[in-house]
Amino acid sequence: MSDVRLHVVSGKGGTGKTTVAAALALALAEGGRRTLLIEVEGRQGIAQVFDTPPLPYEERKIAVAPGGGEVRALAVDVEAALLEYFEMFYRLGVAGRTLRRMGAIEFATTLAPGLRDVLLTGKVKECVSRVRDGKRVYDAVVLDAPPTGRLVNFLDVTKAMADLAKAGPIHKQAEGVVRLLHSPQTAVHLVTLLEELPVTETMEAADELAAADLRTGAVIVNKVREQWLPDRSVAPAADGRVDAARVRNGLAAAGLDLPPEVVDGLVAETVEHAVRVAAESSAAARLDAATGPGLGRLELPQVLGGIDLGTLYELADTLTEQGVGVRHTDEVPA
């Protein structure tokens, strides 16, 4: 990930993509780096995982990373982005605010639905490329993107807009976004679970990204649960072949004289655990076969008791241990 400046994080609903995006932003900020975490769906998911008040349409510092780094966050508002766009390219000023009162912004994004995604991705592009005093403002930008079901349309709509508008600010804006999203500076990370439907959707998303010439970065397997049984015991246990008498004798040898119903409950839990491990192993094999050696694979453990700020730091540490990081370079390439 060392050459990537824009990290797009997506996944099937329920896989925990916002939590993963937050942990990734913290990991990328370690060692004095500056990262920006952006959301575009209006859910205030970032505020929820960091347990902060709802984010306004401005970049706010929400966390400090080990080594003096910092994470800022931005919730992109479509209406505010459109007004910003009008002011930047057309200098409308007060007239832009009048458009808001007239409802013209909703009319414009309804008339040209692709305009909404151009505004959102355009703001992301501006944050990635922003320069101050000859240096990049952010070492990395992490985008908590829409779910995989509409990911490619969201990222690739700029091509259609570039074709629609042959000249002028909209054309220039769309072309700039296309160049960034299809460059080595951008990687799309797919969050999944070791379950049939999330793995299937992840595989389909990887194919769609490749067809659209968008670079897939890492497959991030979230909520990985610990395996208690040795590999050789998983298949027999999943088939229900667990010797209750042997379990009872082993417990007794350890000084635990448990009632038969308790032992039976432990045996049932063992079978249930083995069935889950076998299913997850099968899902992992499908994922490995589909993604191949070209894609990185990262894993995050299952967290019991909900996500809080301390948990996010622990997840960030787990990503760092797996090699996540960026080259610390502020200078703008020539």
Protein backbone atom coordinates (compact mmCIF):
# COMPACT_ATOMS: atom_id res chain seq x y z
CA MET A 1 0.00 0.00 0.00
CA SER A 2 3.04 2.30 0.10
CA ASP A 3 2.28 4.11 -3.18
CA VAL A 4 -1.45 4.43 -2.58
CA ARG A 5 -2.90 7.75 -1.46
CA LEU A 6 -6.60 6.98 -1.84
CA HIS A 7 -7.85 3.86 -0.06
CA VAL A 8 -11.43 3.03 -1.05
CA VAL A 9 -13.10 0.63 1.40
CA SER A 10 -16.23 -1.26 0.40
CA GLY A 11 -18.03 -4.46 1.27
CA LYS A 12 -21.40 -6.12 1.46
CA GLY A 13 -23.72 -4.56 4.02
CA GLY A 14 -23.11 -6.01 7.46
CA THR A 15 -19.45 -6.88 6.92
CA GLY A 16 -18.25 -3.93 9.03
CA LYS A 17 -16.71 -1.80 6.29
CA THR A 18 -17.01 1.46 8.26
CA THR A 19 -15.22 -0.05 11.25
CA VAL A 20 -12.51 -1.42 8.94
CA ALA A 21 -12.16 1.97 7.21
CA ALA A 22 -11.73 3.66 10.60
CA ALA A 23 -9.11 1.14 11.74
CA LEU A 24 -7.29 1.51 8.41
CA ALA A 25 -7.20 5.30 8.78
CA LEU A 26 -5.65 4.94 12.24
CA ALA A 27 -3.09 2.43 10.98
CA LEU A 28 -2.09 4.69 8.08
CA ALA A 29 -1.66 7.65 10.47
CA GLU A 30 0.86 5.87 12.67
CA GLY A 31 4.32 7.42 12.89
CA GLY A 32 3.37 11.08 12.48
CA ARG A 33 1.37 10.77 9.28
CA ARG A 34 -1.86 12.61 8.48
CA THR A 35 -4.90 10.77 7.17
CA LEU A 36 -8.40 11.87 6.27
CA LEU A 37 -11.37 9.52 6.69
CA ILE A 38 -14.31 10.40 4.41
CA GLU A 39 -17.88 9.12 4.27
CA VAL A 40 -20.34 9.89 1.47
CA GLU A 41 -23.55 8.05 2.34
CA GLY A 42 -25.00 10.45 4.91
CA ARG A 43 -25.18 7.74 7.61
CA GLN A 44 -22.80 9.42 10.09
CA GLY A 45 -21.15 6.02 10.47
CA ILE A 46 -17.75 7.56 11.28
CA ALA A 47 -19.22 9.56 14.17
CA GLN A 48 -20.81 6.39 15.52
CA VAL A 49 -17.66 4.25 15.52
CA PHE A 50 -15.57 7.06 17.05
CA ASP A 51 -18.41 7.93 19.48
CA THR A 52 -18.44 11.62 18.54
CA PRO A 53 -21.27 14.04 17.70
CA PRO A 54 -22.48 14.02 14.07
CA LEU A 55 -19.85 15.40 11.70
CA PRO A 56 -20.51 18.68 9.88
CA TYR A 57 -19.31 19.36 6.35
CA GLU A 58 -15.80 20.22 7.47
CA GLU A 59 -12.63 18.29 8.24
CA ARG A 60 -12.31 17.64 11.95
CA LYS A 61 -9.61 15.96 13.99
CA ILE A 62 -11.13 12.87 15.61
CA ALA A 63 -8.16 10.76 16.74
CA VAL A 64 -4.43 10.78 17.42
CA ALA A 65 -2.34 7.87 16.20
CA PRO A 66 0.79 6.39 17.82
CA GLY A 67 3.88 8.38 16.96
CA GLY A 68 2.09 11.73 16.71
CA GLY A 69 -0.05 11.07 13.66
CA GLU A 70 -3.61 12.27 13.38
CA VAL A 71 -6.86 11.24 11.75
CA ARG A 72 -9.31 13.83 10.50
CA ALA A 73 -12.81 13.02 9.31
CA LEU A 74 -15.21 14.50 6.78
CA ALA A 75 -18.85 13.68 6.09
CA VAL A 76 -19.47 14.92 2.55
CA ASP A 77 -22.86 16.58 2.11
CA VAL A 78 -24.06 16.60 -1.50
CA GLU A 79 -25.82 19.95 -1.25
CA ALA A 80 -22.83 21.64 0.40
CA ALA A 81 -20.51 20.06 -2.17
CA LEU A 82 -22.63 21.42 -5.02
CA LEU A 83 -22.62 24.91 -3.53
CA GLU A 84 -18.86 24.64 -3.08
CA TYR A 85 -18.59 23.52 -6.69
CA PHE A 86 -20.66 26.49 -7.92
CA GLU A 87 -18.55 28.91 -5.92
CA MET A 88 -15.26 27.36 -7.06
CA PHE A 89 -16.02 27.26 -10.78
CA TYR A 90 -18.77 29.80 -11.34
CA ARG A 91 -18.30 32.30 -8.47
CA LEU A 92 -22.03 32.32 -7.75
CA GLY A 93 -21.68 33.32 -4.10
CA VAL A 94 -25.05 34.56 -2.82
CA ALA A 95 -26.74 33.19 -5.93
CA GLY A 96 -25.62 29.69 -4.92
CA ARG A 97 -27.31 30.07 -1.54
CA THR A 98 -30.42 31.29 -3.32
CA LEU A 99 -30.36 28.09 -5.38
CA ARG A 100 -30.48 26.10 -2.16
CA ARG A 101 -33.60 27.92 -0.99
CA MET A 102 -35.25 27.37 -4.37
CA GLY A 103 -34.61 23.65 -4.26
CA ALA A 104 -32.53 23.87 -7.42
CA ILE A 105 -29.83 21.62 -5.98
CA GLU A 106 -32.23 18.72 -5.54
CA PHE A 107 -33.56 19.44 -9.02
CA ALA A 108 -30.06 19.40 -10.52
CA THR A 109 -29.04 16.10 -8.93
CA THR A 110 -32.39 14.55 -9.87
CA LEU A 111 -32.09 15.74 -13.46
CA ALA A 112 -28.57 14.33 -13.73
CA PRO A 113 -28.29 11.52 -11.15
CA GLY A 114 -24.66 10.97 -12.05
CA LEU A 115 -23.90 14.51 -10.93
CA ARG A 116 -24.32 13.44 -7.29
CA ASP A 117 -21.52 10.89 -7.51
CA VAL A 118 -19.33 13.30 -9.49
CA LEU A 119 -19.68 15.83 -6.68
CA LEU A 120 -18.86 13.22 -4.03
CA THR A 121 -15.86 11.71 -5.83
CA GLY A 122 -14.77 15.19 -6.90
CA LYS A 123 -14.54 16.28 -3.27
CA VAL A 124 -12.55 13.15 -2.46
CA LYS A 125 -10.17 13.91 -5.33
CA GLU A 126 -9.69 17.48 -4.08
CA CYS A 127 -8.73 16.20 -0.62
CA VAL A 128 -6.26 13.67 -2.06
CA SER A 129 -4.53 16.23 -4.26
CA ARG A 130 -4.65 19.23 -1.91
CA VAL A 131 -1.30 20.93 -1.45
CA ARG A 132 -0.16 23.50 1.10
CA ASP A 133 3.28 25.13 1.07
CA GLY A 134 4.47 22.66 -1.53
CA LYS A 135 3.46 19.59 0.49
CA ARG A 136 0.57 17.21 0.45
CA VAL A 137 -1.91 18.04 3.20
CA TYR A 138 -2.73 14.34 3.73
CA ASP A 139 -0.43 11.35 3.43
CA ALA A 140 -3.47 9.17 2.78
CA VAL A 141 -7.22 9.48 2.34
CA VAL A 142 -9.54 6.63 3.31
CA LEU A 143 -12.98 6.61 1.70
CA ASP A 144 -15.79 4.68 3.38
CA ALA A 145 -17.48 3.96 0.05
CA PRO A 146 -20.96 2.63 -0.81
CA PRO A 147 -21.50 -1.15 -0.55
CA THR A 148 -20.14 -3.44 -3.25
CA GLY A 149 -23.54 -3.69 -4.93
CA ARG A 150 -23.22 -0.16 -6.28
CA LEU A 151 -19.49 0.41 -5.89
CA VAL A 152 -18.42 0.30 -9.55
CA ASN A 153 -21.27 2.58 -10.66
CA PHE A 154 -20.26 5.04 -7.95
CA LEU A 155 -16.58 5.02 -8.91
CA ASP A 156 -17.01 4.87 -12.67
CA VAL A 157 -19.90 7.33 -13.17
CA THR A 158 -17.34 10.04 -13.82
CA LYS A 159 -16.56 8.49 -17.22
CA ALA A 160 -20.17 8.92 -18.30
CA MET A 161 -20.20 12.50 -17.04
CA ALA A 162 -16.93 13.24 -18.85
CA ASP A 163 -18.52 11.99 -22.07
CA LEU A 164 -21.72 13.94 -21.38
CA ALA A 165 -19.99 17.26 -20.78
CA LYS A 166 -17.49 17.80 -23.60
CA ALA A 167 -15.96 20.97 -22.21
CA GLY A 168 -16.00 23.31 -19.26
CA PRO A 169 -15.62 22.82 -15.49
CA ILE A 170 -17.77 19.66 -15.30
CA HIS A 171 -15.67 17.98 -17.98
CA LYS A 172 -12.41 19.01 -16.32
CA GLN A 173 -13.62 17.91 -12.91
CA ALA A 174 -14.76 14.52 -14.18
CA GLU A 175 -11.53 13.92 -16.10
CA GLY A 176 -9.46 14.67 -13.00
CA VAL A 177 -11.47 12.20 -10.93
CA VAL A 178 -11.17 9.51 -13.62
CA ARG A 179 -7.39 9.93 -13.74
CA LEU A 180 -7.09 9.56 -9.96
CA LEU A 181 -9.41 6.58 -9.59
CA HIS A 182 -7.74 4.66 -12.44
CA SER A 183 -4.20 5.47 -11.31
CA PRO A 184 -1.79 3.52 -9.05
CA GLN A 185 -2.56 6.10 -6.35
CA THR A 186 -5.96 4.47 -5.77
CA ALA A 187 -6.73 1.01 -4.40
CA VAL A 188 -10.14 -0.48 -3.63
CA HIS A 189 -10.15 -2.73 -0.56
CA LEU A 190 -12.98 -5.24 -0.22
CA VAL A 191 -14.23 -6.16 3.26
CA THR A 192 -15.79 -9.60 3.64
CA LEU A 193 -16.74 -12.27 6.13
CA LEU A 194 -15.98 -15.97 5.80
CA GLU A 195 -19.58 -16.68 4.86
CA GLU A 196 -21.07 -17.77 1.56
CA LEU A 197 -22.94 -14.61 0.53
CA PRO A 198 -20.26 -12.04 1.50
CA VAL A 199 -17.56 -14.12 -0.21
CA THR A 200 -19.66 -14.48 -3.36
CA GLU A 201 -20.33 -10.74 -3.48
CA THR A 202 -16.65 -9.99 -2.87
CA MET A 203 -15.64 -12.25 -5.76
CA GLU A 204 -18.20 -10.58 -8.04
CA ALA A 205 -17.01 -7.12 -6.97
CA ALA A 206 -13.39 -8.02 -7.73
CA ASP A 207 -14.41 -9.13 -11.23
CA GLU A 208 -16.42 -5.93 -11.79
CA LEU A 209 -13.53 -3.76 -10.63
CA ALA A 210 -11.13 -5.53 -12.97
CA ALA A 211 -13.56 -5.12 -15.89
CA ALA A 212 -13.81 -1.39 -15.13
CA ASP A 213 -9.99 -1.08 -14.92
CA LEU A 214 -10.16 -0.19 -11.22
CA ARG A 215 -7.42 -1.56 -9.01
CA THR A 216 -8.35 -3.95 -6.22
CA GLY A 217 -6.02 -3.58 -3.26
CA ALA A 218 -6.57 -6.02 -0.40
CA VAL A 219 -9.34 -8.38 0.59
CA ILE A 220 -9.91 -7.71 4.29
CA VAL A 221 -11.52 -10.61 6.11
CA ASN A 222 -13.33 -9.15 9.11
CA LYS A 223 -14.63 -10.78 12.29
CA VAL A 224 -12.32 -13.80 12.08
CA ARG A 225 -13.09 -16.17 14.96
CA GLU A 226 -10.55 -18.27 16.81
CA GLN A 227 -10.34 -21.97 16.01
CA TRP A 228 -10.34 -24.11 19.16
CA LEU A 229 -9.95 -27.52 17.56
CA PRO A 230 -6.82 -28.89 15.85
CA ASP A 231 -7.24 -29.21 12.09
CA ARG A 232 -7.33 -33.01 12.21
CA SER A 233 -10.36 -32.94 14.54
CA VAL A 234 -12.53 -30.50 12.60
CA ALA A 235 -13.99 -32.87 9.99
CA PRO A 236 -14.89 -35.68 12.44
CA ALA A 237 -16.43 -33.22 14.90
CA ALA A 238 -18.40 -31.50 12.14
CA ASP A 239 -19.87 -34.91 11.30
CA GLY A 240 -20.94 -35.32 14.94
CA ARG A 241 -18.21 -37.83 15.77
CA VAL A 242 -17.29 -36.56 19.24
CA ASP A 243 -16.69 -39.15 21.95
CA ALA A 244 -18.63 -37.87 24.97
CA ALA A 245 -17.05 -40.47 27.27
CA ARG A 246 -13.58 -39.36 26.25
CA VAL A 247 -14.52 -35.75 26.88
CA ARG A 248 -15.90 -36.69 30.31
CA ASN A 249 -12.75 -38.63 31.21
CA GLY A 250 -10.52 -35.77 30.07
CA LEU A 251 -12.44 -33.31 32.21
CA ALA A 252 -12.27 -35.65 35.18
CA ALA A 253 -8.51 -35.99 34.73
CA ALA A 254 -8.31 -32.23 34.90
CA GLY A 255 -10.24 -32.25 38.16
CA LEU A 256 -13.59 -31.25 36.67
CA ASP A 257 -16.38 -33.62 37.63
CA LEU A 258 -19.28 -32.19 35.61
CA PRO A 259 -22.88 -33.45 35.41
CA PRO A 260 -23.73 -35.46 32.26
CA GLU A 261 -26.00 -32.72 30.90
CA VAL A 262 -23.15 -30.21 31.08
CA VAL A 263 -20.83 -32.58 29.22
CA ASP A 264 -23.53 -33.14 26.61
CA GLY A 265 -23.79 -29.35 26.19
CA LEU A 266 -20.04 -29.08 25.69
CA VAL A 267 -20.16 -31.84 23.08
CA ALA A 268 -22.96 -30.03 21.23
CA GLU A 269 -20.96 -26.79 21.30
CA THR A 270 -17.93 -28.63 19.94
CA VAL A 271 -19.94 -29.97 17.03
CA GLU A 272 -21.41 -26.53 16.33
CA HIS A 273 -17.94 -24.98 16.46
CA ALA A 274 -16.54 -27.59 14.08
CA VAL A 275 -19.38 -27.05 11.59
CA ARG A 276 -18.65 -23.31 11.59
CA VAL A 277 -14.89 -23.83 11.19
CA ALA A 278 -15.47 -26.18 8.27
CA ALA A 279 -17.80 -23.69 6.58
CA GLU A 280 -15.33 -20.83 7.10
CA SER A 281 -12.46 -22.95 5.74
CA SER A 282 -14.51 -23.67 2.63
CA ALA A 283 -15.32 -19.97 2.19
CA ALA A 284 -11.65 -19.05 2.63
CA ALA A 285 -10.64 -21.60 0.00
CA ARG A 286 -13.18 -20.13 -2.46
CA LEU A 287 -11.85 -16.67 -1.76
CA ASP A 288 -8.23 -17.70 -2.25
CA ALA A 289 -9.01 -19.52 -5.49
CA ALA A 290 -10.93 -16.55 -6.90
CA THR A 291 -8.62 -13.70 -5.90
CA GLY A 292 -5.35 -15.49 -6.63
CA PRO A 293 -1.87 -14.44 -5.49
CA GLY A 294 -2.13 -10.90 -6.88
CA LEU A 295 -4.35 -9.57 -4.11
CA GLY A 296 -3.27 -9.05 -0.53
CA ARG A 297 -5.21 -10.69 2.26
CA LEU A 298 -5.65 -9.05 5.65
CA GLU A 299 -7.56 -10.39 8.64
CA LEU A 300 -9.22 -8.72 11.61
CA PRO A 301 -10.51 -10.65 14.62
CA GLN A 302 -14.06 -10.83 15.83
CA VAL A 303 -14.72 -8.27 18.55
CA LEU A 304 -17.10 -9.17 21.36
CA GLY A 305 -19.05 -6.48 23.18
CA GLY A 306 -19.22 -3.86 20.45
CA ILE A 307 -16.79 -1.37 18.91
CA ASP A 308 -15.32 1.51 20.88
CA LEU A 309 -12.28 3.76 20.42
CA GLY A 310 -9.99 1.36 22.27
CA THR A 311 -11.11 -1.46 20.00
CA LEU A 312 -10.38 0.64 16.90
CA TYR A 313 -6.80 1.15 18.10
CA GLU A 314 -6.44 -2.60 18.66
CA LEU A 315 -7.75 -3.32 15.15
CA ALA A 316 -5.38 -0.68 13.74
CA ASP A 317 -2.47 -2.38 15.52
CA THR A 318 -3.52 -5.69 13.95
CA LEU A 319 -3.42 -4.10 10.49
CA THR A 320 -0.03 -2.53 11.23
CA GLU A 321 1.34 -5.93 12.27
CA GLN A 322 0.26 -7.24 8.86
CA GLY A 323 2.28 -4.59 7.05
CA VAL A 324 -0.23 -1.79 6.53
CA GLY A 325 1.45 1.58 6.20
CA VAL A 326 2.36 4.36 3.81
CA ARG A 327 5.64 5.85 2.76
CA HIS A 328 6.06 9.10 4.66
CA THR A 329 6.36 11.55 1.75
CA ASP A 330 4.95 15.07 1.85
CA GLU A 331 6.69 16.45 -1.21
CA VAL A 332 4.60 16.71 -4.35
CA PRO A 333 6.08 14.57 -7.14
CA ALA A 334 7.58 16.55 -9.99
